[in-house]
Amino acid sequence: SNYFRDLTKMIYKERVNNNYMEITSINQL
């Protein structure tokens, strides 16, 4: 559980750092 939680955090951080986030609303653009 801790492994997957840390992995998820790492992936999210990488996406933010690379300006990639899932866009679910046009208002995010």
PDB file of all heavy atoms in Angstrom:
ATOM      1  N   SER A   1       0.844  -1.213   0.000  1.00  0.00           N
ATOM      2  CA  SER A   1       0.000   0.000   0.000  1.00  0.00           C
ATOM      3  C   SER A   1       0.868   1.247   0.000  1.00  0.00           C
ATOM      4  O   SER A   1       0.602   2.209  -0.729  1.00  0.00           O
ATOM      5  CB  SER A   1      -0.937  -0.014   1.209  1.00  0.00           C
ATOM      6  OG  SER A   1      -0.188  -0.013   2.419  1.00  0.00           O
ATOM      7  N   ASN A   2       1.926   1.256   0.822  1.00  0.00           N
ATOM      8  CA  ASN A   2       2.833   2.407   0.841  1.00  0.00           C
ATOM      9  C   ASN A   2       3.601   2.531  -0.470  1.00  0.00           C
ATOM     10  O   ASN A   2       3.850   3.641  -0.958  1.00  0.00           O
ATOM     11  CB  ASN A   2       3.824   2.290   2.011  1.00  0.00           C
ATOM     12  CG  ASN A   2       3.152   2.529   3.345  1.00  0.00           C
ATOM     13  OD1 ASN A   2       2.131   3.209   3.411  1.00  0.00           O
ATOM     14  ND2 ASN A   2       3.714   1.957   4.408  1.00  0.00           N
ATOM     15  N   TYR A   3       3.976   1.366  -1.039  1.00  0.00           N
ATOM     16  CA  TYR A   3       4.718   1.365  -2.311  1.00  0.00           C
ATOM     17  C   TYR A   3       3.904   2.032  -3.411  1.00  0.00           C
ATOM     18  O   TYR A   3       4.396   2.905  -4.131  1.00  0.00           O
ATOM     19  CB  TYR A   3       5.071  -0.071  -2.681  1.00  0.00           C
ATOM     20  CG  TYR A   3       5.628  -0.211  -4.085  1.00  0.00           C
ATOM     21  CD1 TYR A   3       6.947   0.130  -4.364  1.00  0.00           C
ATOM     22  CD2 TYR A   3       4.821  -0.669  -5.130  1.00  0.00           C
ATOM     23  CE1 TYR A   3       7.463   0.015  -5.643  1.00  0.00           C
ATOM     24  CE2 TYR A   3       5.322  -0.792  -6.411  1.00  0.00           C
ATOM     25  CZ  TYR A   3       6.640  -0.451  -6.671  1.00  0.00           C
ATOM     26  OH  TYR A   3       7.125  -0.575  -7.947  1.00  0.00           O
ATOM     27  N   PHE A   4       2.648   1.613  -3.540  1.00  0.00           N
ATOM     28  CA  PHE A   4       1.822   2.160  -4.613  1.00  0.00           C
ATOM     29  C   PHE A   4       1.458   3.619  -4.348  1.00  0.00           C
ATOM     30  O   PHE A   4       1.338   4.406  -5.294  1.00  0.00           O
ATOM     31  CB  PHE A   4       0.553   1.305  -4.796  1.00  0.00           C
ATOM     32  CG  PHE A   4       0.813   0.005  -5.501  1.00  0.00           C
ATOM     33  CD1 PHE A   4       0.644  -1.202  -4.852  1.00  0.00           C
ATOM     34  CD2 PHE A   4       1.248  -0.006  -6.809  1.00  0.00           C
ATOM     35  CE1 PHE A   4       0.896  -2.409  -5.500  1.00  0.00           C
ATOM     36  CE2 PHE A   4       1.501  -1.197  -7.466  1.00  0.00           C
ATOM     37  CZ  PHE A   4       1.333  -2.404  -6.805  1.00  0.00           C
ATOM     38  N   ARG A   5       1.314   3.969  -3.061  1.00  0.00           N
ATOM     39  CA  ARG A   5       1.039   5.370  -2.744  1.00  0.00           C
ATOM     40  C   ARG A   5       2.227   6.241  -3.134  1.00  0.00           C
ATOM     41  O   ARG A   5       2.067   7.290  -3.776  1.00  0.00           O
ATOM     42  CB  ARG A   5       0.750   5.517  -1.248  1.00  0.00           C
ATOM     43  CG  ARG A   5       0.347   6.952  -0.864  1.00  0.00           C
ATOM     44  CD  ARG A   5       0.124   7.114   0.629  1.00  0.00           C
ATOM     45  NE  ARG A   5       1.371   6.901   1.350  1.00  0.00           N
ATOM     46  CZ  ARG A   5       1.522   5.991   2.302  1.00  0.00           C
ATOM     47  NH1 ARG A   5       0.514   5.217   2.661  1.00  0.00           N
ATOM     48  NH2 ARG A   5       2.683   5.851   2.917  1.00  0.00           N
ATOM     49  N   ASP A   6       3.420   5.786  -2.814  1.00  0.00           N
ATOM     50  CA  ASP A   6       4.627   6.547  -3.160  1.00  0.00           C
ATOM     51  C   ASP A   6       4.829   6.597  -4.675  1.00  0.00           C
ATOM     52  O   ASP A   6       5.255   7.623  -5.216  1.00  0.00           O
ATOM     53  CB  ASP A   6       5.855   5.928  -2.491  1.00  0.00           C
ATOM     54  CG  ASP A   6       5.819   6.067  -0.971  1.00  0.00           C
ATOM     55  OD1 ASP A   6       5.049   6.922  -0.475  1.00  0.00           O
ATOM     56  OD2 ASP A   6       6.547   5.313  -0.289  1.00  0.00           O
ATOM     57  N   LEU A   7       4.498   5.479  -5.341  1.00  0.00           N
ATOM     58  CA  LEU A   7       4.641   5.446  -6.800  1.00  0.00           C
ATOM     59  C   LEU A   7       3.687   6.434  -7.456  1.00  0.00           C
ATOM     60  O   LEU A   7       4.059   7.156  -8.394  1.00  0.00           O
ATOM     61  CB  LEU A   7       4.379   4.031  -7.316  1.00  0.00           C
ATOM     62  CG  LEU A   7       4.484   3.831  -8.841  1.00  0.00           C
ATOM     63  CD1 LEU A   7       5.905   4.156  -9.316  1.00  0.00           C
ATOM     64  CD2 LEU A   7       4.102   2.404  -9.222  1.00  0.00           C
ATOM     65  N   THR A   8       2.469   6.461  -6.947  1.00  0.00           N
ATOM     66  CA  THR A   8       1.483   7.398  -7.479  1.00  0.00           C
ATOM     67  C   THR A   8       1.950   8.839  -7.292  1.00  0.00           C
ATOM     68  O   THR A   8       1.822   9.669  -8.204  1.00  0.00           O
ATOM     69  CB  THR A   8       0.123   7.192  -6.794  1.00  0.00           C
ATOM     70  OG1 THR A   8      -0.316   5.850  -7.011  1.00  0.00           O
ATOM     71  CG2 THR A   8      -0.918   8.161  -7.326  1.00  0.00           C
ATOM     72  N   LYS A   9       2.476   9.158  -6.117  1.00  0.00           N
ATOM     73  CA  LYS A   9       2.977  10.503  -5.864  1.00  0.00           C
ATOM     74  C   LYS A   9       4.107  10.852  -6.820  1.00  0.00           C
ATOM     75  O   LYS A   9       4.202  11.969  -7.325  1.00  0.00           O
ATOM     76  CB  LYS A   9       3.465  10.620  -4.412  1.00  0.00           C
ATOM     77  CG  LYS A   9       2.347  10.657  -3.377  1.00  0.00           C
ATOM     78  CD  LYS A   9       2.929  10.825  -1.983  1.00  0.00           C
ATOM     79  CE  LYS A   9       1.826  10.903  -0.931  1.00  0.00           C
ATOM     80  NZ  LYS A   9       2.395  11.036   0.433  1.00  0.00           N
ATOM     81  N   MET A  10       4.987   9.878  -7.068  1.00  0.00           N
ATOM     82  CA  MET A  10       6.134  10.123  -7.939  1.00  0.00           C
ATOM     83  C   MET A  10       5.670  10.404  -9.377  1.00  0.00           C
ATOM     84  O   MET A  10       6.172  11.315 -10.035  1.00  0.00           O
ATOM     85  CB  MET A  10       7.063   8.910  -7.920  1.00  0.00           C
ATOM     86  CG  MET A  10       8.332   9.101  -8.754  1.00  0.00           C
ATOM     87  SD  MET A  10       9.423   7.660  -8.655  1.00  0.00           S
ATOM     88  CE  MET A  10       8.436   6.444  -9.541  1.00  0.00           C
ATOM     89  N   ILE A  11       4.692   9.616  -9.852  1.00  0.00           N
ATOM     90  CA  ILE A  11       4.188   9.810 -11.213  1.00  0.00           C
ATOM     91  C   ILE A  11       3.510  11.168 -11.331  1.00  0.00           C
ATOM     92  O   ILE A  11       3.697  11.903 -12.302  1.00  0.00           O
ATOM     93  CB  ILE A  11       3.213   8.681 -11.588  1.00  0.00           C
ATOM     94  CG1 ILE A  11       3.971   7.357 -11.711  1.00  0.00           C
ATOM     95  CG2 ILE A  11       2.490   8.991 -12.885  1.00  0.00           C
ATOM     96  CD1 ILE A  11       3.069   6.136 -11.877  1.00  0.00           C
ATOM     97  N   TYR A  12       2.696  11.509 -10.306  1.00  0.00           N
ATOM     98  CA  TYR A  12       2.010  12.797 -10.337  1.00  0.00           C
ATOM     99  C   TYR A  12       3.013  13.950 -10.362  1.00  0.00           C
ATOM    100  O   TYR A  12       2.880  14.894 -11.142  1.00  0.00           O
ATOM    101  CB  TYR A  12       1.103  12.923  -9.120  1.00  0.00           C
ATOM    102  CG  TYR A  12       0.385  14.253  -9.047  1.00  0.00           C
ATOM    103  CD1 TYR A  12      -0.741  14.506  -9.823  1.00  0.00           C
ATOM    104  CD2 TYR A  12       0.850  15.261  -8.200  1.00  0.00           C
ATOM    105  CE1 TYR A  12      -1.389  15.725  -9.765  1.00  0.00           C
ATOM    106  CE2 TYR A  12       0.206  16.482  -8.135  1.00  0.00           C
ATOM    107  CZ  TYR A  12      -0.919  16.709  -8.911  1.00  0.00           C
ATOM    108  OH  TYR A  12      -1.548  17.910  -8.854  1.00  0.00           O
ATOM    109  N   LYS A  13       4.056  13.839  -9.530  1.00  0.00           N
ATOM    110  CA  LYS A  13       5.067  14.891  -9.480  1.00  0.00           C
ATOM    111  C   LYS A  13       5.769  15.027 -10.829  1.00  0.00           C
ATOM    112  O   LYS A  13       6.021  16.136 -11.308  1.00  0.00           O
ATOM    113  CB  LYS A  13       6.090  14.579  -8.381  1.00  0.00           C
ATOM    114  CG  LYS A  13       7.139  15.669  -8.180  1.00  0.00           C
ATOM    115  CD  LYS A  13       8.062  15.329  -7.015  1.00  0.00           C
ATOM    116  CE  LYS A  13       9.098  16.426  -6.830  1.00  0.00           C
ATOM    117  NZ  LYS A  13      10.013  16.113  -5.712  1.00  0.00           N
ATOM    118  N   GLU A  14       6.068  13.897 -11.463  1.00  0.00           N
ATOM    119  CA  GLU A  14       6.738  13.925 -12.760  1.00  0.00           C
ATOM    120  C   GLU A  14       5.854  14.603 -13.805  1.00  0.00           C
ATOM    121  O   GLU A  14       6.326  15.390 -14.614  1.00  0.00           O
ATOM    122  CB  GLU A  14       7.101  12.512 -13.200  1.00  0.00           C
ATOM    123  CG  GLU A  14       7.845  12.480 -14.531  1.00  0.00           C
ATOM    124  CD  GLU A  14       8.206  11.064 -14.947  1.00  0.00           C
ATOM    125  OE1 GLU A  14       8.078  10.156 -14.118  1.00  0.00           O
ATOM    126  OE2 GLU A  14       8.605  10.890 -16.103  1.00  0.00           O
ATOM    127  N   ARG A  15       4.558  14.292 -13.763  1.00  0.00           N
ATOM    128  CA  ARG A  15       3.644  14.894 -14.727  1.00  0.00           C
ATOM    129  C   ARG A  15       3.552  16.402 -14.528  1.00  0.00           C
ATOM    130  O   ARG A  15       3.541  17.168 -15.493  1.00  0.00           O
ATOM    131  CB  ARG A  15       2.250  14.266 -14.611  1.00  0.00           C
ATOM    132  CG  ARG A  15       2.186  12.846 -15.157  1.00  0.00           C
ATOM    133  CD  ARG A  15       0.775  12.296 -15.086  1.00  0.00           C
ATOM    134  NE  ARG A  15       0.672  11.020 -15.784  1.00  0.00           N
ATOM    135  CZ  ARG A  15      -0.456  10.350 -15.922  1.00  0.00           C
ATOM    136  NH1 ARG A  15      -1.577  10.826 -15.423  1.00  0.00           N
ATOM    137  NH2 ARG A  15      -0.476   9.208 -16.578  1.00  0.00           N
ATOM    138  N   VAL A  16       3.470  16.827 -13.275  1.00  0.00           N
ATOM    139  CA  VAL A  16       3.400  18.257 -13.000  1.00  0.00           C
ATOM    140  C   VAL A  16       4.674  18.944 -13.467  1.00  0.00           C
ATOM    141  O   VAL A  16       4.639  20.004 -14.098  1.00  0.00           O
ATOM    142  CB  VAL A  16       3.155  18.512 -11.501  1.00  0.00           C
ATOM    143  CG1 VAL A  16       3.309  19.988 -11.177  1.00  0.00           C
ATOM    144  CG2 VAL A  16       1.768  18.015 -11.110  1.00  0.00           C
ATOM    145  N   ASN A  17       5.819  18.345 -13.160  1.00  0.00           N
ATOM    146  CA  ASN A  17       7.105  18.943 -13.548  1.00  0.00           C
ATOM    147  C   ASN A  17       7.256  19.034 -15.057  1.00  0.00           C
ATOM    148  O   ASN A  17       7.972  19.890 -15.561  1.00  0.00           O
ATOM    149  CB  ASN A  17       8.263  18.129 -12.964  1.00  0.00           C
ATOM    150  CG  ASN A  17       8.375  18.309 -11.455  1.00  0.00           C
ATOM    151  OD1 ASN A  17       7.847  19.267 -10.898  1.00  0.00           O
ATOM    152  ND2 ASN A  17       9.055  17.381 -10.782  1.00  0.00           N
ATOM    153  N   ASN A  18       6.609  18.135 -15.782  1.00  0.00           N
ATOM    154  CA  ASN A  18       6.687  18.147 -17.238  1.00  0.00           C
ATOM    155  C   ASN A  18       5.466  18.805 -17.867  1.00  0.00           C
ATOM    156  O   ASN A  18       5.202  18.627 -19.056  1.00  0.00           O
ATOM    157  CB  ASN A  18       6.834  16.711 -17.767  1.00  0.00           C
ATOM    158  CG  ASN A  18       8.219  16.146 -17.522  1.00  0.00           C
ATOM    159  OD1 ASN A  18       9.171  16.492 -18.206  1.00  0.00           O
ATOM    160  ND2 ASN A  18       8.330  15.289 -16.513  1.00  0.00           N
ATOM    161  N   ASN A  19       4.724  19.564 -17.041  1.00  0.00           N
ATOM    162  CA  ASN A  19       3.541  20.282 -17.514  1.00  0.00           C
ATOM    163  C   ASN A  19       2.502  19.369 -18.143  1.00  0.00           C
ATOM    164  O   ASN A  19       1.802  19.742 -19.070  1.00  0.00           O
ATOM    165  CB  ASN A  19       3.937  21.377 -18.528  1.00  0.00           C
ATOM    166  CG  ASN A  19       4.802  22.437 -17.893  1.00  0.00           C
ATOM    167  OD1 ASN A  19       4.528  22.862 -16.786  1.00  0.00           O
ATOM    168  ND2 ASN A  19       5.851  22.842 -18.580  1.00  0.00           N
ATOM    169  N   TYR A  20       2.414  18.128 -17.648  1.00  0.00           N
ATOM    170  CA  TYR A  20       1.398  17.218 -18.153  1.00  0.00           C
ATOM    171  C   TYR A  20       0.429  16.886 -17.033  1.00  0.00           C
ATOM    172  O   TYR A  20       0.814  16.365 -16.005  1.00  0.00           O
ATOM    173  CB  TYR A  20       2.020  15.920 -18.685  1.00  0.00           C
ATOM    174  CG  TYR A  20       0.951  14.887 -18.989  1.00  0.00           C
ATOM    175  CD1 TYR A  20       0.241  14.957 -20.170  1.00  0.00           C
ATOM    176  CD2 TYR A  20       0.647  13.884 -18.073  1.00  0.00           C
ATOM    177  CE1 TYR A  20      -0.758  14.043 -20.441  1.00  0.00           C
ATOM    178  CE2 TYR A  20      -0.352  12.970 -18.336  1.00  0.00           C
ATOM    179  CZ  TYR A  20      -1.043  13.047 -19.538  1.00  0.00           C
ATOM    180  OH  TYR A  20      -2.041  12.154 -19.790  1.00  0.00           O
ATOM    181  N   MET A  21      -0.808  17.255 -17.219  1.00  0.00           N
ATOM    182  CA  MET A  21      -1.861  16.862 -16.303  1.00  0.00           C
ATOM    183  C   MET A  21      -3.089  16.535 -17.146  1.00  0.00           C
ATOM    184  O   MET A  21      -3.284  17.109 -18.214  1.00  0.00           O
ATOM    185  CB  MET A  21      -2.188  17.981 -15.312  1.00  0.00           C
ATOM    186  CG  MET A  21      -1.075  18.265 -14.311  1.00  0.00           C
ATOM    187  SD  MET A  21      -1.573  19.500 -13.087  1.00  0.00           S
ATOM    188  CE  MET A  21      -2.832  18.598 -12.193  1.00  0.00           C
ATOM    189  N   GLU A  22      -3.895  15.626 -16.669  1.00  0.00           N
ATOM    190  CA  GLU A  22      -5.101  15.278 -17.402  1.00  0.00           C
ATOM    191  C   GLU A  22      -6.024  16.491 -17.450  1.00  0.00           C
ATOM    192  O   GLU A  22      -6.299  17.121 -16.443  1.00  0.00           O
ATOM    193  CB  GLU A  22      -5.801  14.098 -16.739  1.00  0.00           C
ATOM    194  CG  GLU A  22      -6.975  13.582 -17.552  1.00  0.00           C
ATOM    195  CD  GLU A  22      -7.573  12.322 -16.957  1.00  0.00           C
ATOM    196  OE1 GLU A  22      -8.297  12.454 -15.949  1.00  0.00           O
ATOM    197  OE2 GLU A  22      -7.293  11.230 -17.471  1.00  0.00           O
ATOM    198  N   ILE A  23      -6.493  16.809 -18.650  1.00  0.00           N
ATOM    199  CA  ILE A  23      -7.354  17.968 -18.838  1.00  0.00           C
ATOM    200  C   ILE A  23      -8.796  17.477 -18.945  1.00  0.00           C
ATOM    201  O   ILE A  23      -9.173  16.845 -19.931  1.00  0.00           O
ATOM    202  CB  ILE A  23      -6.955  18.756 -20.099  1.00  0.00           C
ATOM    203  CG1 ILE A  23      -5.479  19.182 -20.033  1.00  0.00           C
ATOM    204  CG2 ILE A  23      -7.861  19.966 -20.272  1.00  0.00           C
ATOM    205  CD1 ILE A  23      -5.156  20.107 -18.903  1.00  0.00           C
ATOM    206  N   THR A  24      -9.589  17.760 -17.935  1.00  0.00           N
ATOM    207  CA  THR A  24     -10.978  17.308 -17.906  1.00  0.00           C
ATOM    208  C   THR A  24     -11.976  18.450 -18.078  1.00  0.00           C
ATOM    209  O   THR A  24     -13.175  18.213 -18.168  1.00  0.00           O
ATOM    210  CB  THR A  24     -11.276  16.576 -16.585  1.00  0.00           C
ATOM    211  OG1 THR A  24     -10.977  17.463 -15.494  1.00  0.00           O
ATOM    212  CG2 THR A  24     -10.421  15.315 -16.460  1.00  0.00           C
ATOM    213  N   SER A  25     -11.474  19.665 -18.124  1.00  0.00           N
ATOM    214  CA  SER A  25     -12.324  20.836 -18.321  1.00  0.00           C
ATOM    215  C   SER A  25     -11.612  21.816 -19.240  1.00  0.00           C
ATOM    216  O   SER A  25     -10.402  22.038 -19.110  1.00  0.00           O
ATOM    217  CB  SER A  25     -12.638  21.515 -16.990  1.00  0.00           C
ATOM    218  OG  SER A  25     -13.241  22.786 -17.198  1.00  0.00           O
ATOM    219  N   ILE A  26     -12.369  22.407 -20.142  1.00  0.00           N
ATOM    220  CA  ILE A  26     -11.766  23.387 -21.048  1.00  0.00           C
ATOM    221  C   ILE A  26     -11.223  24.580 -20.280  1.00  0.00           C
ATOM    222  O   ILE A  26     -10.314  25.279 -20.743  1.00  0.00           O
ATOM    223  CB  ILE A  26     -12.797  23.835 -22.112  1.00  0.00           C
ATOM    224  CG1 ILE A  26     -12.095  24.596 -23.248  1.00  0.00           C
ATOM    225  CG2 ILE A  26     -13.906  24.671 -21.495  1.00  0.00           C
ATOM    226  CD1 ILE A  26     -12.984  24.878 -24.431  1.00  0.00           C
ATOM    227  N   ASN A  27     -11.743  24.814 -19.078  1.00  0.00           N
ATOM    228  CA  ASN A  27     -11.285  25.942 -18.271  1.00  0.00           C
ATOM    229  C   ASN A  27      -9.852  25.767 -17.761  1.00  0.00           C
ATOM    230  O   ASN A  27      -9.253  26.707 -17.241  1.00  0.00           O
ATOM    231  CB  ASN A  27     -12.233  26.161 -17.098  1.00  0.00           C
ATOM    232  CG  ASN A  27     -13.624  26.564 -17.561  1.00  0.00           C
ATOM    233  OD1 ASN A  27     -13.770  27.313 -18.526  1.00  0.00           O
ATOM    234  ND2 ASN A  27     -14.646  26.059 -16.894  1.00  0.00           N
ATOM    235  N   GLN A  28      -9.296  24.552 -17.901  1.00  0.00           N
ATOM    236  CA  GLN A  28      -7.905  24.325 -17.531  1.00  0.00           C
ATOM    237  C   GLN A  28      -6.937  24.815 -18.607  1.00  0.00           C
ATOM    238  O   GLN A  28      -5.730  24.858 -18.371  1.00  0.00           O
ATOM    239  CB  GLN A  28      -7.667  22.831 -17.284  1.00  0.00           C
ATOM    240  CG  GLN A  28      -8.382  22.261 -16.071  1.00  0.00           C
ATOM    241  CD  GLN A  28      -8.204  20.759 -15.975  1.00  0.00           C
ATOM    242  OE1 GLN A  28      -9.082  19.991 -16.358  1.00  0.00           O
ATOM    243  NE2 GLN A  28      -7.053  20.334 -15.476  1.00  0.00           N
ATOM    244  N   LEU A  29      -7.468  25.180 -19.760  1.00  0.00           N
ATOM    245  CA  LEU A  29      -6.624  25.597 -20.874  1.00  0.00           C
ATOM    246  C   LEU A  29      -6.597  27.118 -20.979  1.00  0.00           C
ATOM    247  O   LEU A  29      -7.501  27.812 -20.528  1.00  0.00           O
ATOM    248  CB  LEU A  29      -7.156  24.999 -22.182  1.00  0.00           C
ATOM    249  CG  LEU A  29      -7.259  23.472 -22.216  1.00  0.00           C
ATOM    250  CD1 LEU A  29      -7.944  23.014 -23.492  1.00  0.00           C
ATOM    251  CD2 LEU A  29      -5.887  22.829 -22.085  1.00  0.00           C
TER     252      LEU A  29
END
